[in-house]
């Protein structure tokens, strides 16, 4: 990794690029320094501190572009960490949300959008007989796991290393541990930060490792209420399940009487109208959604089979929240689902085409410079990494040169392209051919 990082530092002229970005974004730096005096860390989510050379402040966006406080405009492939499936300020969504704002922000009671959006979701999502609403992915995963424990009477769940299921103590384990942490922990769950309660409910396995999952069930099946996974590991290098692995998870959970939960917070309404379930043809018992379903508003959804969701319906499993099903978020969802569903979800075919064009262009440009590059993902979400071979699981990703990718991200930012620092790229329904061509030209300049 060290040799690659050294070569890319010269290739991307990192110190010059970083200084150029600092000059262009002086207003953001002033605001960041001011925010740190009163806002813990200067940001509202810890991951945002990772942006180099400093976090940016934005004033607006339209379509595939976003504008910062210094007047710089960027082609945006972060898309607010994924929710903006229709880009910035999509007119259908802003119109419907604006009309709802005139009628009321929230009621703490019922309104027509609740059942209208629920009807749309149950008509689209394969596993959805019933749904319920919350406001974040973290919340809705907790509802899913609580429900699984109630259904089975068992206390634990099985998750996979590198998969992210929210920031609650019970699930924020073995996300991105270091090699040293892995070596020291054995197979025990590894907390991400200090102050976390011990995650006594979690059992951790390696993604794509059938034999390990079989061994775990052979010894502990009576404890496991559910297996939860990102069906495409978007939070870590967009690592896909190997052929047959999701089918294996479906079969082993049925055999041992526990639930299969797909965390579709990212893949839902992004990789396909029916999400990962539509792409891979495997139907879980429960699935969680956020990000794209709200088109930029705070909304999450639990979808599941009636026999399980009835436990929420009859009050046996508690599900509560003041802003659950609020009309602002559901107005956005109603508009977004209408756009995404047109012509049987034809927009996804176009997003796939554009994403494929972008991925192949990135690969060609970097390989032409003699750099080892891997892209992986599904349709309009993919990951770019500097490594020799595709990763099969989280531990394989430790071979990647993350420093080199950070340098590329800075060079692209200097050329007017905004990407997430972790290597993930999101493509929206409004990234057309012109935007992709402009992005690849910017990459050429970053490499020249």
Protein backbone atom coordinates (compact mmCIF):
# COMPACT_ATOMS: atom_id res chain seq x y z
CA UNK A 1 0.00 0.00 0.00
CA UNK A 2 2.80 2.40 0.81
CA UNK A 3 4.27 2.28 -2.69
CA UNK A 4 0.89 2.98 -4.26
CA UNK A 5 0.18 5.88 -1.91
CA UNK A 6 3.57 7.40 -2.73
CA UNK A 7 3.01 7.16 -6.47
CA UNK A 8 -0.49 8.63 -6.34
CA UNK A 9 0.71 11.53 -4.25
CA UNK A 10 2.82 12.60 -7.21
CA UNK A 11 0.17 11.62 -9.74
CA UNK A 12 -2.58 13.68 -8.12
CA UNK A 13 -0.27 16.53 -6.96
CA UNK A 14 -2.03 16.19 -3.62
CA UNK A 15 -0.43 19.06 -1.71
CA UNK A 16 -1.11 21.51 -4.56
CA UNK A 17 -4.65 20.22 -4.98
CA UNK A 18 -5.39 20.51 -1.28
CA UNK A 19 -4.07 24.06 -1.19
CA UNK A 20 -6.16 24.92 -4.25
CA UNK A 21 -9.30 23.58 -2.57
CA UNK A 22 -8.50 25.54 0.60
CA UNK A 23 -8.29 28.75 -1.41
CA UNK A 24 -11.56 28.06 -3.19
CA UNK A 25 -13.45 27.12 -0.02
CA UNK A 26 -12.24 29.68 2.51
CA UNK A 27 -15.82 30.51 3.49
CA UNK A 28 -16.47 26.91 4.46
CA UNK A 29 -13.38 26.83 6.64
CA UNK A 30 -14.45 30.01 8.47
CA UNK A 31 -17.85 28.45 9.15
CA UNK A 32 -16.36 25.14 10.23
CA UNK A 33 -14.10 26.86 12.75
CA UNK A 34 -17.07 28.85 14.05
CA UNK A 35 -19.22 25.72 14.33
CA UNK A 36 -16.58 23.88 16.35
CA UNK A 37 -16.97 26.47 19.10
CA UNK A 38 -20.59 25.48 19.72
CA UNK A 39 -21.32 22.23 17.83
CA UNK A 40 -19.59 19.06 18.99
CA UNK A 41 -16.97 18.32 16.36
CA UNK A 42 -18.32 21.11 14.15
CA UNK A 43 -20.61 18.66 12.33
CA UNK A 44 -23.93 16.92 12.97
CA UNK A 45 -22.73 13.41 12.09
CA UNK A 46 -19.24 12.22 12.96
CA UNK A 47 -18.52 10.76 9.52
CA UNK A 48 -18.68 14.23 7.97
CA UNK A 49 -15.46 15.19 9.69
CA UNK A 50 -13.58 12.87 7.32
CA UNK A 51 -13.89 15.26 4.38
CA UNK A 52 -10.59 16.81 3.35
CA UNK A 53 -9.20 19.35 3.52
CA UNK A 54 -12.19 20.38 5.68
CA UNK A 55 -15.98 19.93 5.68
CA UNK A 56 -17.79 22.06 3.12
CA UNK A 57 -20.88 24.20 3.71
CA UNK A 58 -23.59 24.29 1.07
CA UNK A 59 -26.27 26.78 0.11
CA UNK A 60 -28.32 24.85 -2.43
CA UNK A 61 -28.45 22.36 -5.23
CA UNK A 62 -30.36 21.51 -8.37
CA UNK A 63 -30.43 18.25 -10.28
CA UNK A 64 -27.01 16.57 -10.12
CA UNK A 65 -25.21 19.69 -8.87
CA UNK A 66 -24.67 21.28 -5.47
CA UNK A 67 -23.36 24.76 -4.61
CA UNK A 68 -21.19 25.76 -1.64
CA UNK A 69 -21.02 29.00 0.34
CA UNK A 70 -18.08 30.20 -1.74
CA UNK A 71 -20.05 29.92 -4.97
CA UNK A 72 -18.36 26.74 -6.20
CA UNK A 73 -20.59 24.28 -8.02
CA UNK A 74 -19.92 20.53 -8.00
CA UNK A 75 -21.28 17.52 -9.79
CA UNK A 76 -22.52 15.57 -6.79
CA UNK A 77 -21.97 11.81 -6.42
CA UNK A 78 -22.43 11.82 -2.64
CA UNK A 79 -26.12 12.76 -2.90
CA UNK A 80 -26.41 13.40 0.85
CA UNK A 81 -24.97 9.92 1.51
CA UNK A 82 -27.55 8.36 -0.79
CA UNK A 83 -31.06 9.74 -0.22
CA UNK A 84 -31.20 12.03 -3.27
CA UNK A 85 -32.20 9.36 -5.79
CA UNK A 86 -33.94 12.10 -7.83
CA UNK A 87 -31.16 14.63 -7.36
CA UNK A 88 -31.34 18.00 -5.62
CA UNK A 89 -34.71 19.75 -5.42
CA UNK A 90 -36.67 17.42 -7.73
CA UNK A 91 -39.70 19.47 -8.82
CA UNK A 92 -42.26 16.72 -8.21
CA UNK A 93 -41.07 16.29 -4.62
CA UNK A 94 -40.63 19.97 -3.77
CA UNK A 95 -44.08 20.74 -5.16
CA UNK A 96 -45.85 18.10 -3.09
CA UNK A 97 -43.86 18.92 0.05
CA UNK A 98 -44.52 22.63 -0.45
CA UNK A 99 -48.24 22.04 -0.70
CA UNK A 100 -48.18 19.94 2.46
CA UNK A 101 -46.24 22.65 4.31
CA UNK A 102 -49.22 24.94 3.76
CA UNK A 103 -51.53 22.39 5.35
CA UNK A 104 -49.41 21.47 8.35
CA UNK A 105 -46.01 20.21 9.48
CA UNK A 106 -47.20 17.30 11.59
CA UNK A 107 -50.31 16.23 13.48
CA UNK A 108 -49.29 13.46 15.86
CA UNK A 109 -52.34 11.77 14.38
CA UNK A 110 -53.55 10.12 11.20
CA UNK A 111 -53.75 11.50 7.66
CA UNK A 112 -54.38 10.07 4.20
CA UNK A 113 -50.72 9.99 3.15
CA UNK A 114 -50.09 7.25 5.71
CA UNK A 115 -52.21 4.63 4.00
CA UNK A 116 -51.58 5.99 0.50
CA UNK A 117 -47.81 5.60 0.83
CA UNK A 118 -48.26 2.27 2.62
CA UNK A 119 -50.41 1.03 -0.27
CA UNK A 120 -47.72 2.06 -2.74
CA UNK A 121 -44.99 0.33 -0.74
CA UNK A 122 -46.88 -2.92 -0.27
CA UNK A 123 -47.61 -3.02 -4.00
CA UNK A 124 -43.89 -2.70 -4.82
CA UNK A 125 -41.83 -4.47 -2.12
CA UNK A 126 -41.91 -8.29 -2.47
CA UNK A 127 -41.85 -9.04 1.29
CA UNK A 128 -44.31 -6.29 2.26
CA UNK A 129 -47.74 -7.34 3.44
CA UNK A 130 -47.71 -4.59 6.06
CA UNK A 131 -45.37 -1.65 6.74
CA UNK A 132 -44.71 0.79 9.56
CA UNK A 133 -42.90 4.13 9.54
CA UNK A 134 -40.11 5.75 11.54
CA UNK A 135 -37.56 8.48 10.85
CA UNK A 136 -34.10 6.90 10.52
CA UNK A 137 -32.43 3.68 9.52
CA UNK A 138 -31.11 3.19 13.05
CA UNK A 139 -34.63 3.35 14.52
CA UNK A 140 -36.22 1.00 12.05
CA UNK A 141 -33.53 -1.67 12.44
CA UNK A 142 -34.23 -1.66 16.17
CA UNK A 143 -37.92 -2.23 15.45
CA UNK A 144 -37.04 -5.15 13.15
CA UNK A 145 -34.79 -6.82 15.71
CA UNK A 146 -37.31 -6.30 18.52
CA UNK A 147 -39.96 -7.89 16.34
CA UNK A 148 -37.69 -10.86 15.53
CA UNK A 149 -37.06 -11.46 19.24
CA UNK A 150 -40.78 -11.33 19.94
CA UNK A 151 -41.60 -13.78 17.15
CA UNK A 152 -38.95 -16.35 18.08
CA UNK A 153 -38.51 -15.86 21.81
CA UNK A 154 -34.76 -15.85 21.23
CA UNK A 155 -32.34 -13.12 22.41
CA UNK A 156 -29.59 -12.88 19.78
CA UNK A 157 -29.06 -12.03 16.13
CA UNK A 158 -26.36 -12.87 13.61
CA UNK A 159 -24.72 -10.06 11.64
CA UNK A 160 -21.73 -9.86 9.33
CA UNK A 161 -18.46 -8.02 9.82
CA UNK A 162 -18.35 -4.76 7.88
CA UNK A 163 -22.15 -4.43 7.67
CA UNK A 164 -23.68 -1.27 9.12
CA UNK A 165 -27.10 -1.31 10.76
CA UNK A 166 -27.15 2.03 12.56
CA UNK A 167 -25.49 3.68 15.52
CA UNK A 168 -27.32 1.98 18.39
CA UNK A 169 -25.00 0.13 20.78
CA UNK A 170 -26.65 -3.19 20.02
CA UNK A 171 -25.66 -3.11 16.34
CA UNK A 172 -22.66 -0.76 16.12
CA UNK A 173 -20.14 -3.58 16.38
CA UNK A 174 -17.56 -5.13 14.06
CA UNK A 175 -18.23 -2.45 11.47
CA UNK A 176 -14.75 -1.33 10.33
CA UNK A 177 -12.33 -2.81 12.88
CA UNK A 178 -8.58 -2.55 12.38
CA UNK A 179 -6.44 -5.61 11.78
CA UNK A 180 -5.12 -5.23 15.33
CA UNK A 181 -8.63 -5.17 16.80
CA UNK A 182 -9.59 -8.26 14.82
CA UNK A 183 -6.50 -10.11 16.00
CA UNK A 184 -7.17 -9.21 19.63
CA UNK A 185 -10.90 -9.95 19.66
CA UNK A 186 -11.18 -13.41 18.16
CA UNK A 187 -14.80 -13.84 17.11
CA UNK A 188 -16.20 -11.44 19.72
CA UNK A 189 -18.17 -8.36 18.60
CA UNK A 190 -15.91 -5.30 18.41
CA UNK A 191 -17.44 -1.97 19.53
CA UNK A 192 -16.79 1.00 17.28
CA UNK A 193 -16.42 3.68 19.95
CA UNK A 194 -16.06 4.22 23.66
CA UNK A 195 -19.01 4.31 26.00
CA UNK A 196 -20.93 1.62 24.17
CA UNK A 197 -22.73 -1.02 26.16
CA UNK A 198 -21.53 -4.53 25.56
CA UNK A 199 -23.43 -5.92 22.57
CA UNK A 200 -24.55 -9.15 24.17
CA UNK A 201 -27.12 -9.82 21.46
CA UNK A 202 -24.71 -9.87 18.51
CA UNK A 203 -23.03 -12.87 16.91
CA UNK A 204 -20.62 -11.90 14.13
CA UNK A 205 -19.74 -13.91 11.01
CA UNK A 206 -17.77 -13.23 7.83
CA UNK A 207 -19.68 -12.18 4.73
CA UNK A 208 -19.86 -14.91 2.07
CA UNK A 209 -18.62 -17.59 4.50
CA UNK A 210 -21.21 -20.38 4.41
CA UNK A 211 -19.14 -22.76 6.51
CA UNK A 212 -18.85 -20.29 9.39
CA UNK A 213 -22.56 -19.53 9.34
CA UNK A 214 -23.30 -23.28 9.37
CA UNK A 215 -21.00 -23.75 12.37
CA UNK A 216 -22.63 -20.90 14.26
CA UNK A 217 -26.10 -22.32 13.72
CA UNK A 218 -24.95 -25.82 14.60
CA UNK A 219 -23.92 -24.61 18.04
CA UNK A 220 -26.28 -21.71 18.74
CA UNK A 221 -29.42 -21.97 16.64
CA UNK A 222 -31.61 -21.91 19.74
CA UNK A 223 -30.34 -18.42 20.56
CA UNK A 224 -30.66 -16.75 17.15
CA UNK A 225 -33.79 -14.72 16.46
CA UNK A 226 -32.65 -13.33 13.11
CA UNK A 227 -29.93 -13.00 10.54
CA UNK A 228 -29.55 -9.42 9.35
CA UNK A 229 -27.44 -8.27 6.42
CA UNK A 230 -27.04 -5.68 3.74
CA UNK A 231 -27.87 -7.82 0.68
CA UNK A 232 -25.27 -5.75 -1.16
CA UNK A 233 -22.62 -4.57 1.28
CA UNK A 234 -22.88 -0.90 0.30
CA UNK A 235 -21.32 0.41 3.52
CA UNK A 236 -18.11 -1.50 2.82
CA UNK A 237 -16.82 -1.45 -0.77
CA UNK A 238 -20.23 -2.49 -2.19
CA UNK A 239 -19.24 -6.16 -1.85
CA UNK A 240 -21.90 -8.40 -3.43
CA UNK A 241 -23.09 -11.69 -2.04
CA UNK A 242 -21.47 -14.56 -3.89
CA UNK A 243 -23.80 -16.59 -6.13
CA UNK A 244 -26.15 -18.59 -3.95
CA UNK A 245 -25.18 -16.95 -0.64
CA UNK A 246 -28.42 -15.01 -0.15
CA UNK A 247 -30.36 -18.15 -1.08
CA UNK A 248 -28.29 -20.00 1.50
CA UNK A 249 -29.23 -17.44 4.17
CA UNK A 250 -32.89 -17.77 3.20
CA UNK A 251 -32.71 -21.56 3.53
CA UNK A 252 -30.76 -21.75 6.78
CA UNK A 253 -32.99 -19.26 8.58
CA UNK A 254 -36.07 -21.21 7.52
CA UNK A 255 -34.46 -24.46 8.62
CA UNK A 256 -33.65 -23.11 12.08
CA UNK A 257 -36.87 -21.16 12.66
CA UNK A 258 -35.46 -17.63 12.71
CA UNK A 259 -36.12 -14.57 10.58
CA UNK A 260 -34.12 -13.22 7.66
CA UNK A 261 -33.87 -9.42 7.66
CA UNK A 262 -32.54 -7.46 4.70
CA UNK A 263 -31.19 -4.04 5.64
CA UNK A 264 -32.20 -2.19 2.48
CA UNK A 265 -31.58 1.26 3.90
CA UNK A 266 -29.24 1.88 0.95
CA UNK A 267 -30.32 -0.67 -1.67
CA UNK A 268 -34.04 0.01 -1.27
CA UNK A 269 -35.41 2.06 -4.18
CA UNK A 270 -31.86 2.60 -5.39
CA UNK A 271 -30.61 -0.55 -7.11
CA UNK A 272 -34.09 -1.34 -8.46
CA UNK A 273 -37.68 -0.29 -7.90
CA UNK A 274 -38.04 -3.47 -5.80
CA UNK A 275 -34.62 -3.00 -4.24
CA UNK A 276 -32.23 -5.87 -3.70
CA UNK A 277 -35.18 -8.24 -3.52
CA UNK A 278 -35.99 -7.34 -7.12
CA UNK A 279 -32.39 -7.70 -8.28
CA UNK A 280 -31.49 -10.94 -6.53
CA UNK A 281 -34.87 -12.66 -6.32
CA UNK A 282 -34.52 -13.57 -2.63
CA UNK A 283 -37.39 -12.50 -0.36
CA UNK A 284 -36.67 -11.97 3.36
CA UNK A 285 -39.16 -12.02 6.21
CA UNK A 286 -38.53 -8.35 7.07
CA UNK A 287 -36.74 -5.49 5.33
CA UNK A 288 -35.74 -2.01 6.46
CA UNK A 289 -35.68 1.10 4.28
CA UNK A 290 -34.57 4.74 4.56
CA UNK A 291 -32.50 7.12 2.39
CA UNK A 292 -33.95 6.92 -1.16
CA UNK A 293 -37.52 6.18 -0.05
CA UNK A 294 -37.74 9.67 1.49
CA UNK A 295 -35.96 11.42 -1.42
CA UNK A 296 -34.04 13.61 1.02
CA UNK A 297 -36.46 13.75 3.96
CA UNK A 298 -36.30 11.90 7.28
CA UNK A 299 -38.21 8.67 6.68
CA UNK A 300 -37.65 4.98 7.34
CA UNK A 301 -39.83 1.95 6.76
CA UNK A 302 -40.13 -1.59 8.07
CA UNK A 303 -41.79 -3.93 5.61
CA UNK A 304 -42.65 -7.53 6.38
CA UNK A 305 -44.87 -10.56 6.23
CA UNK A 306 -48.30 -10.15 7.81
CA UNK A 307 -47.79 -13.03 10.26
CA UNK A 308 -44.91 -11.10 11.85
CA UNK A 309 -46.06 -7.51 11.39
CA UNK A 310 -49.37 -8.34 13.11
CA UNK A 311 -47.40 -8.33 16.37
CA UNK A 312 -46.86 -4.60 15.86
CA UNK A 313 -50.43 -4.13 14.67
CA UNK A 314 -51.93 -5.62 17.83
CA UNK A 315 -49.55 -3.79 20.19
CA UNK A 316 -47.70 -6.89 21.34
CA UNK A 317 -44.49 -5.32 20.01
CA UNK A 318 -44.16 -1.63 20.86
CA UNK A 319 -43.48 0.76 18.00
CA UNK A 320 -43.75 4.46 18.82
CA UNK A 321 -42.45 7.88 17.81
CA UNK A 322 -43.85 11.40 17.77
CA UNK A 323 -42.83 12.09 14.18
CA UNK A 324 -43.48 8.63 12.75
CA UNK A 325 -45.46 8.94 9.53
CA UNK A 326 -45.24 12.72 9.54
CA UNK A 327 -46.92 14.29 6.49
CA UNK A 328 -43.82 16.15 5.25
CA UNK A 329 -41.76 12.98 4.82
CA UNK A 330 -44.68 11.02 3.43
CA UNK A 331 -45.47 13.76 0.93
CA UNK A 332 -41.90 13.46 -0.32
CA UNK A 333 -42.15 9.67 -0.43
CA UNK A 334 -45.45 9.76 -2.31
CA UNK A 335 -43.97 12.01 -4.98
CA UNK A 336 -40.73 10.04 -5.24
CA UNK A 337 -42.49 6.68 -5.52
CA UNK A 338 -44.72 8.04 -8.27
CA UNK A 339 -41.70 9.19 -10.29
CA UNK A 340 -39.68 6.03 -9.69
CA UNK A 341 -42.62 3.76 -10.55
CA UNK A 342 -43.39 5.30 -13.94
CA UNK A 343 -43.32 2.84 -16.82
CA UNK A 344 -42.59 -0.04 -14.42
CA UNK A 345 -39.50 1.64 -13.06
CA UNK A 346 -37.91 2.42 -16.43
CA UNK A 347 -35.71 5.07 -14.79
CA UNK A 348 -33.63 2.30 -13.20
CA UNK A 349 -32.55 1.00 -16.58
CA UNK A 350 -31.27 4.42 -17.48
CA UNK A 351 -29.48 4.83 -14.14
CA UNK A 352 -27.84 1.45 -14.68
CA UNK A 353 -26.66 2.47 -18.13
CA UNK A 354 -25.19 5.74 -16.90
CA UNK A 355 -23.57 4.10 -13.88
CA UNK A 356 -21.99 1.48 -16.12
CA UNK A 357 -20.63 4.18 -18.40
CA UNK A 358 -19.19 6.05 -15.43
CA UNK A 359 -17.66 2.95 -13.81
CA UNK A 360 -16.01 1.75 -17.00
CA UNK A 361 -14.69 5.25 -17.69
CA UNK A 362 -13.17 5.49 -14.20
CA UNK A 363 -11.57 2.07 -14.54
CA UNK A 364 -10.11 2.88 -17.96
CA UNK A 365 -8.69 6.24 -16.86
CA UNK A 366 -7.02 4.89 -13.73
CA UNK A 367 -5.69 1.73 -15.37
CA UNK A 368 -4.22 3.82 -18.17
CA UNK A 369 -2.01 5.34 -15.48
CA UNK A 370 -0.93 1.89 -14.35
CA UNK A 371 -3.00 1.98 -11.16
CA UNK A 372 -4.73 -1.12 -9.76
CA UNK A 373 -8.42 -0.28 -9.46
CA UNK A 374 -11.51 -2.28 -8.56
CA UNK A 375 -15.08 -1.08 -8.90
CA UNK A 376 -17.94 -3.07 -7.42
CA UNK A 377 -21.61 -2.49 -6.83
CA UNK A 378 -25.03 -2.72 -8.39
CA UNK A 379 -26.51 -0.17 -10.73
CA UNK A 380 -26.51 3.39 -9.34
CA UNK A 381 -24.37 2.67 -6.27
CA UNK A 382 -20.81 1.46 -6.61
CA UNK A 383 -17.42 1.67 -4.94
CA UNK A 384 -14.00 2.62 -6.33
CA UNK A 385 -10.89 1.26 -4.59
CA UNK A 386 -7.19 0.96 -5.23
CA UNK A 387 -6.49 -2.75 -4.87
CA UNK A 388 -5.48 -5.72 -7.03
CA UNK A 389 -8.49 -8.04 -6.60
CA UNK A 390 -12.16 -7.57 -5.66
CA UNK A 391 -12.93 -8.04 -1.98
CA UNK A 392 -14.93 -11.07 -0.86
CA UNK A 393 -15.46 -9.83 2.70
CA UNK A 394 -14.56 -6.94 4.97
CA UNK A 395 -11.11 -8.25 5.85
CA UNK A 396 -10.14 -8.28 2.19
CA UNK A 397 -10.76 -4.52 2.07
CA UNK A 398 -7.89 -3.93 4.49
CA UNK A 399 -5.58 -4.48 1.50
CA UNK A 400 -6.91 -1.39 -0.26
CA UNK A 401 -4.96 1.86 -0.34
CA UNK A 402 -7.50 4.21 1.22
CA UNK A 403 -4.99 7.05 1.36
CA UNK A 404 -4.67 6.93 -2.41
CA UNK A 405 -8.43 7.16 -2.83
CA UNK A 406 -8.57 10.15 -0.47
CA UNK A 407 -6.01 11.87 -2.68
CA UNK A 408 -8.13 11.15 -5.75
CA UNK A 409 -11.19 12.58 -4.00
CA UNK A 410 -9.32 15.82 -3.25
CA UNK A 411 -8.14 16.10 -6.87
CA UNK A 412 -11.69 15.56 -8.13
CA UNK A 413 -13.03 18.15 -5.70
CA UNK A 414 -10.53 20.62 -7.11
CA UNK A 415 -11.97 19.82 -10.56
CA UNK A 416 -15.58 20.33 -9.48
CA UNK A 417 -16.65 16.75 -8.68
CA UNK A 418 -17.87 15.92 -5.17
CA UNK A 419 -17.47 12.30 -4.03
CA UNK A 420 -17.65 10.61 -0.65
CA UNK A 421 -14.32 10.01 1.05
CA UNK A 422 -14.97 6.29 1.58
CA UNK A 423 -15.04 5.40 -2.13
CA UNK A 424 -18.81 5.13 -2.61
CA UNK A 425 -20.41 6.75 -5.66
CA UNK A 426 -24.15 7.38 -6.01
CA UNK A 427 -25.76 8.16 -9.36
CA UNK A 428 -29.17 9.84 -9.46
CA UNK A 429 -31.99 9.80 -11.98
CA UNK A 430 -30.86 13.23 -13.21
CA UNK A 431 -27.21 12.42 -13.91
CA UNK A 432 -27.45 12.38 -17.69
CA UNK A 433 -24.83 11.62 -20.33
CA UNK A 434 -23.56 15.19 -20.26
CA UNK A 435 -22.85 15.00 -16.53
CA UNK A 436 -21.07 11.65 -16.90
CA UNK A 437 -18.95 12.99 -19.76
CA UNK A 438 -18.11 16.09 -17.73
CA UNK A 439 -17.11 13.89 -14.77
CA UNK A 440 -14.79 11.73 -16.87
CA UNK A 441 -13.19 14.86 -18.33
CA UNK A 442 -12.63 16.14 -14.79
CA UNK A 443 -11.02 12.80 -13.89
CA UNK A 444 -8.69 13.11 -16.87
CA UNK A 445 -7.66 16.56 -15.65
CA UNK A 446 -7.16 15.23 -12.13
CA UNK A 447 -4.82 12.60 -13.54
CA UNK A 448 -2.95 14.81 -16.00
